[in-house]
Amino acid sequence: MSPDRASPRPLWAQVLADLRLRLAAGEFEGHFPGDIQLTEQYGVSRHTVREAVRRLQLEGVVERGRGRGTFVREPHVEQSLGTLYSLFRSVEAQGFVQRSVVRRLEERRDAEAAKVLGCSPHEPLVYLERLRLADEQPIVLDCSWMPARVAHPLMEVDFAHTALYRELQMRCGVRINSGWERLHPVLPTPEQRQLLGLASRIPALGIERLSSSDSSPVEWRHGVVRTDRFSFVARWSDGEMGAAFEPSGR
């Protein structure tokens, strides 16, 4: 595309629009052209090209690294902090195709999980282990423990393309309405790195969650998240900022 210099749209905006189309078509897989190459392609100044690429950086589409050039970022999922969420719904709401590879769905006994859930050490638990994918790219390895007396109907569910909390409500009559979640850095095991496709230098986050229904623990979850394809985001408003900085009077 040659920018139209008679158009009221800035040249950088025209270049940006065309780069978006080329990205959507998968033209830059594995390599994104440098500034010199783009100036030659579009017949514009280096300043114009840099402004277009800067906008793509702000959108999280491309990333620039010193000595590495510019490259297209892998699909990235964002999740808001501070609310109960379903990873299934979050992934699909952002336009990705969600799929899970179910590695384990069975009844087990586990003293640690039983203690967290407030169960007897010998009480049977339903254990669900899933590798969560977004557009066929692994992003999370999830392990969920639930009391079998509550979650036994889930043993018949195909979790390849459905949400755990939806199935709990529909099949078990249990609605998750409270809980907590903790994030912390982890060093993945070799098996976890292999399952998630994590390179040796890519960090990971550990997630621990306890979900309850009317104050009764229903699910204890722990997992490993790829930080290069999944991020947690906190947002706030002017009103919240104002309240945070008001003098307390003490």
Protein backbone atom coordinates (compact mmCIF):
# COMPACT_ATOMS: atom_id res chain seq x y z
CA MET A 1 0.00 0.00 0.00
CA SER A 2 1.27 3.46 -0.90
CA PRO A 3 0.01 6.15 1.51
CA ASP A 4 -2.25 8.80 0.00
CA ARG A 5 -0.53 12.12 0.68
CA ALA A 6 -3.70 14.01 -0.31
CA SER A 7 -5.71 12.24 2.37
CA PRO A 8 -6.59 14.11 5.61
CA ARG A 9 -5.44 11.02 7.55
CA PRO A 10 -1.87 11.31 8.84
CA LEU A 11 0.68 9.19 7.01
CA TRP A 12 1.50 7.22 10.17
CA ALA A 13 -2.20 6.32 10.58
CA GLN A 14 -2.35 5.01 7.01
CA VAL A 15 0.80 2.93 7.53
CA LEU A 16 -0.57 1.65 10.84
CA ALA A 17 -3.85 0.57 9.21
CA ASP A 18 -2.00 -1.32 6.49
CA LEU A 19 0.35 -2.99 8.98
CA ARG A 20 -2.67 -4.20 10.95
CA LEU A 21 -4.09 -5.79 7.81
CA ARG A 22 -0.78 -7.47 7.04
CA LEU A 23 -0.49 -8.73 10.62
CA ALA A 24 -4.03 -10.14 10.49
CA ALA A 25 -3.10 -11.98 7.30
CA GLY A 26 -0.14 -13.61 9.08
CA GLU A 27 2.43 -11.97 6.83
CA PHE A 28 4.97 -11.30 9.58
CA GLU A 29 5.14 -14.69 11.29
CA GLY A 30 8.58 -15.12 12.79
CA HIS A 31 9.93 -11.71 11.71
CA PHE A 32 8.74 -8.11 11.64
CA PRO A 33 10.48 -5.74 9.19
CA GLY A 34 12.82 -3.06 10.53
CA ASP A 35 12.44 0.68 10.13
CA ILE A 36 14.62 0.90 7.01
CA GLN A 37 12.68 -1.86 5.27
CA LEU A 38 9.34 -0.24 6.12
CA THR A 39 10.44 3.21 4.93
CA GLU A 40 11.37 1.65 1.59
CA GLN A 41 8.09 -0.26 1.34
CA TYR A 42 5.86 2.72 2.11
CA GLY A 43 7.97 5.57 0.75
CA VAL A 44 7.67 7.58 3.97
CA SER A 45 10.09 8.98 6.52
CA ARG A 46 11.62 6.97 9.33
CA HIS A 47 9.75 9.17 11.82
CA THR A 48 6.42 8.14 10.22
CA VAL A 49 7.31 4.45 10.37
CA ARG A 50 8.42 4.70 14.00
CA GLU A 51 5.16 6.34 15.02
CA ALA A 52 3.12 3.55 13.37
CA VAL A 53 5.23 0.84 15.02
CA ARG A 54 5.06 2.67 18.36
CA ARG A 55 1.27 2.44 18.19
CA LEU A 56 1.50 -1.29 17.56
CA GLN A 57 3.74 -1.57 20.62
CA LEU A 58 1.19 0.27 22.76
CA GLU A 59 -1.47 -2.16 21.56
CA GLY A 60 0.75 -5.06 22.61
CA VAL A 61 0.90 -6.45 19.08
CA VAL A 62 4.66 -6.14 18.55
CA GLU A 63 7.63 -5.89 20.87
CA ARG A 64 11.00 -4.24 20.39
CA GLY A 65 14.14 -5.42 22.10
CA ARG A 66 17.61 -3.93 21.97
CA GLY A 67 19.76 -6.14 19.78
CA ARG A 68 16.77 -8.32 18.88
CA GLY A 69 14.84 -6.04 16.54
CA THR A 70 11.04 -5.98 16.37
CA PHE A 71 8.94 -9.12 16.51
CA VAL A 72 5.26 -10.05 16.69
CA ARG A 73 4.08 -11.02 20.14
CA GLU A 74 2.37 -14.35 20.69
CA PRO A 75 -1.37 -14.30 21.54
CA HIS A 76 -1.68 -12.74 25.00
CA VAL A 77 -4.60 -13.15 27.40
CA GLU A 78 -5.36 -10.53 30.07
CA GLN A 79 -7.28 -11.19 33.27
CA SER A 80 -8.58 -8.53 35.66
CA LEU A 81 -7.64 -8.83 39.31
CA GLY A 82 -10.00 -8.49 42.24
CA THR A 83 -12.97 -10.49 40.93
CA LEU A 84 -14.04 -14.11 40.67
CA TYR A 85 -13.45 -15.13 37.06
CA SER A 86 -13.80 -18.08 34.75
CA LEU A 87 -10.70 -18.60 32.60
CA PHE A 88 -12.93 -20.27 30.00
CA ARG A 89 -15.10 -17.15 29.63
CA SER A 90 -12.17 -14.72 29.84
CA VAL A 91 -10.28 -16.43 27.03
CA GLU A 92 -13.29 -16.62 24.71
CA ALA A 93 -14.40 -13.04 25.50
CA GLN A 94 -11.04 -11.82 24.15
CA GLY A 95 -11.55 -13.58 20.84
CA PHE A 96 -9.44 -16.67 21.43
CA VAL A 97 -10.62 -20.24 20.93
CA GLN A 98 -10.49 -22.02 24.29
CA ARG A 99 -9.78 -25.72 24.63
CA SER A 100 -8.61 -27.91 27.48
CA VAL A 101 -6.62 -31.11 27.39
CA VAL A 102 -7.91 -33.18 30.33
CA ARG A 103 -4.95 -35.04 31.80
CA ARG A 104 -6.70 -36.42 34.87
CA LEU A 105 -10.31 -36.73 36.03
CA GLU A 106 -10.54 -39.23 38.87
CA GLU A 107 -11.29 -39.80 42.54
CA ARG A 108 -8.30 -39.62 44.85
CA ARG A 109 -7.42 -39.22 48.50
CA ASP A 110 -4.94 -36.48 49.38
CA ALA A 111 -4.27 -35.31 52.92
CA GLU A 112 -3.06 -31.82 51.94
CA ALA A 113 -6.02 -31.08 49.65
CA ALA A 114 -8.46 -32.48 52.19
CA LYS A 115 -7.04 -30.21 54.89
CA VAL A 116 -7.42 -27.09 52.72
CA LEU A 117 -11.01 -28.07 51.88
CA GLY A 118 -11.85 -28.82 55.51
CA CYS A 119 -12.45 -32.53 54.82
CA SER A 120 -11.40 -35.68 56.61
CA PRO A 121 -7.92 -36.89 55.48
CA HIS A 122 -9.51 -40.07 54.14
CA GLU A 123 -12.47 -38.46 52.38
CA PRO A 124 -12.52 -39.12 48.61
CA LEU A 125 -11.89 -36.09 46.40
CA VAL A 126 -12.47 -35.41 42.72
CA TYR A 127 -9.20 -34.42 41.05
CA LEU A 128 -9.29 -32.56 37.71
CA GLU A 129 -6.06 -31.68 35.90
CA ARG A 130 -6.28 -29.62 32.69
CA LEU A 131 -3.85 -28.05 30.26
CA ARG A 132 -5.64 -24.88 29.15
CA LEU A 133 -5.12 -23.67 25.57
CA ALA A 134 -5.88 -20.38 23.80
CA ASP A 135 -5.81 -20.68 20.00
CA GLU A 136 -4.10 -24.05 20.54
CA GLN A 137 -1.27 -22.41 22.51
CA PRO A 138 -0.83 -23.69 26.13
CA ILE A 139 -1.22 -20.95 28.72
CA VAL A 140 -2.15 -22.57 32.08
CA LEU A 141 -1.76 -25.95 33.76
CA ASP A 142 -4.67 -26.22 36.23
CA CYS A 143 -5.18 -28.76 39.03
CA SER A 144 -8.50 -28.69 40.94
CA TRP A 145 -9.53 -30.65 44.03
CA MET A 146 -13.20 -30.94 45.14
CA PRO A 147 -15.02 -33.07 47.74
CA ALA A 148 -16.45 -36.12 45.95
CA ARG A 149 -19.67 -35.88 47.98
CA VAL A 150 -20.29 -32.59 46.16
CA ALA A 151 -18.52 -33.00 42.82
CA HIS A 152 -19.00 -36.69 41.95
CA PRO A 153 -21.43 -35.88 39.05
CA LEU A 154 -18.51 -34.12 37.32
CA MET A 155 -16.88 -37.49 36.67
CA GLU A 156 -19.08 -37.82 33.56
CA VAL A 157 -18.24 -34.38 32.10
CA ASP A 158 -16.08 -33.78 29.04
CA PHE A 159 -14.07 -30.72 30.12
CA ALA A 160 -12.47 -30.15 26.72
CA HIS A 161 -14.70 -27.14 26.04
CA THR A 162 -16.68 -26.16 29.11
CA ALA A 163 -16.25 -24.22 32.35
CA LEU A 164 -15.84 -25.98 35.71
CA TYR A 165 -18.04 -23.53 37.62
CA ARG A 166 -20.80 -23.84 35.02
CA GLU A 167 -20.78 -27.63 35.38
CA LEU A 168 -20.71 -27.39 39.17
CA GLN A 169 -23.84 -25.25 39.11
CA MET A 170 -25.70 -27.27 36.47
CA ARG A 171 -24.83 -30.80 37.61
CA CYS A 172 -24.16 -30.41 41.31
CA GLY A 173 -26.38 -27.47 42.24
CA VAL A 174 -23.37 -25.59 43.65
CA ARG A 175 -22.79 -21.92 42.87
CA ILE A 176 -19.37 -20.43 43.62
CA ASN A 177 -19.88 -17.02 45.27
CA SER A 178 -16.77 -16.33 47.36
CA GLY A 179 -13.11 -17.20 47.73
CA TRP A 180 -9.55 -15.96 47.42
CA GLU A 181 -6.69 -16.28 44.97
CA ARG A 182 -2.96 -15.92 45.52
CA LEU A 183 -0.28 -15.35 42.87
CA HIS A 184 3.41 -16.05 43.43
CA PRO A 185 6.54 -16.69 41.33
CA VAL A 186 7.38 -20.35 40.77
CA LEU A 187 10.16 -22.40 39.23
CA PRO A 188 8.32 -24.88 36.96
CA THR A 189 9.32 -28.52 36.98
CA PRO A 190 10.78 -29.97 33.76
CA GLU A 191 7.43 -31.70 33.11
CA GLN A 192 5.49 -28.45 33.56
CA ARG A 193 7.85 -26.61 31.20
CA GLN A 194 7.40 -29.30 28.59
CA LEU A 195 3.59 -29.26 28.86
CA LEU A 196 3.41 -25.47 28.67
CA GLY A 197 6.09 -25.14 25.99
CA LEU A 198 8.10 -22.88 28.28
CA ALA A 199 11.65 -22.01 27.28
CA SER A 200 14.23 -22.21 30.04
CA ARG A 201 14.40 -18.43 30.53
CA ILE A 202 10.64 -17.75 30.53
CA PRO A 203 9.32 -17.12 34.08
CA ALA A 204 6.05 -18.52 35.39
CA LEU A 205 3.45 -17.64 38.00
CA GLY A 206 1.85 -20.01 40.44
CA ILE A 207 -1.86 -19.63 41.17
CA GLU A 208 -3.57 -20.91 44.29
CA ARG A 209 -7.32 -20.46 44.69
CA LEU A 210 -9.90 -21.55 47.24
CA SER A 211 -13.47 -21.21 45.95
CA SER A 212 -16.50 -21.50 48.23
CA SER A 213 -20.26 -21.71 48.06
CA ASP A 214 -21.99 -19.95 50.96
CA SER A 215 -18.72 -20.03 52.93
CA SER A 216 -18.23 -23.79 52.40
CA PRO A 217 -15.01 -24.65 50.48
CA VAL A 218 -15.78 -26.39 47.21
CA GLU A 219 -12.60 -26.20 45.12
CA TRP A 220 -8.91 -25.89 45.90
CA ARG A 221 -6.99 -25.05 42.75
CA HIS A 222 -3.27 -24.73 42.09
CA GLY A 223 -1.61 -24.20 38.76
CA VAL A 224 1.19 -22.73 36.68
CA VAL A 225 0.71 -19.81 34.28
CA ARG A 226 2.84 -18.74 31.31
CA THR A 227 3.77 -15.10 31.88
CA ASP A 228 4.67 -14.57 28.23
CA ARG A 229 1.09 -15.31 27.11
CA PHE A 230 -1.06 -14.53 30.15
CA SER A 231 -1.07 -11.48 32.42
CA PHE A 232 -3.11 -10.17 35.33
CA VAL A 233 -4.21 -6.53 35.19
CA ALA A 234 -5.49 -4.18 37.91
CA ARG A 235 -7.55 -1.15 36.87
CA TRP A 236 -8.85 1.80 38.88
CA SER A 237 -10.87 4.97 38.33
CA ASP A 238 -10.49 8.63 39.30
CA GLY A 239 -12.99 8.17 42.11
CA GLU A 240 -11.02 5.33 43.62
CA MET A 241 -7.79 7.33 43.32
CA GLY A 242 -9.40 10.26 45.08
CA ALA A 243 -10.60 8.10 47.96
CA ALA A 244 -7.19 6.51 48.31
CA PHE A 245 -5.43 9.85 48.72
CA GLU A 246 -7.96 11.63 50.96
CA PRO A 247 -6.49 12.72 54.34
CA SER A 248 -7.59 10.27 57.01
CA GLY A 249 -7.52 12.91 59.74
CA ARG A 250 -5.30 10.70 61.87
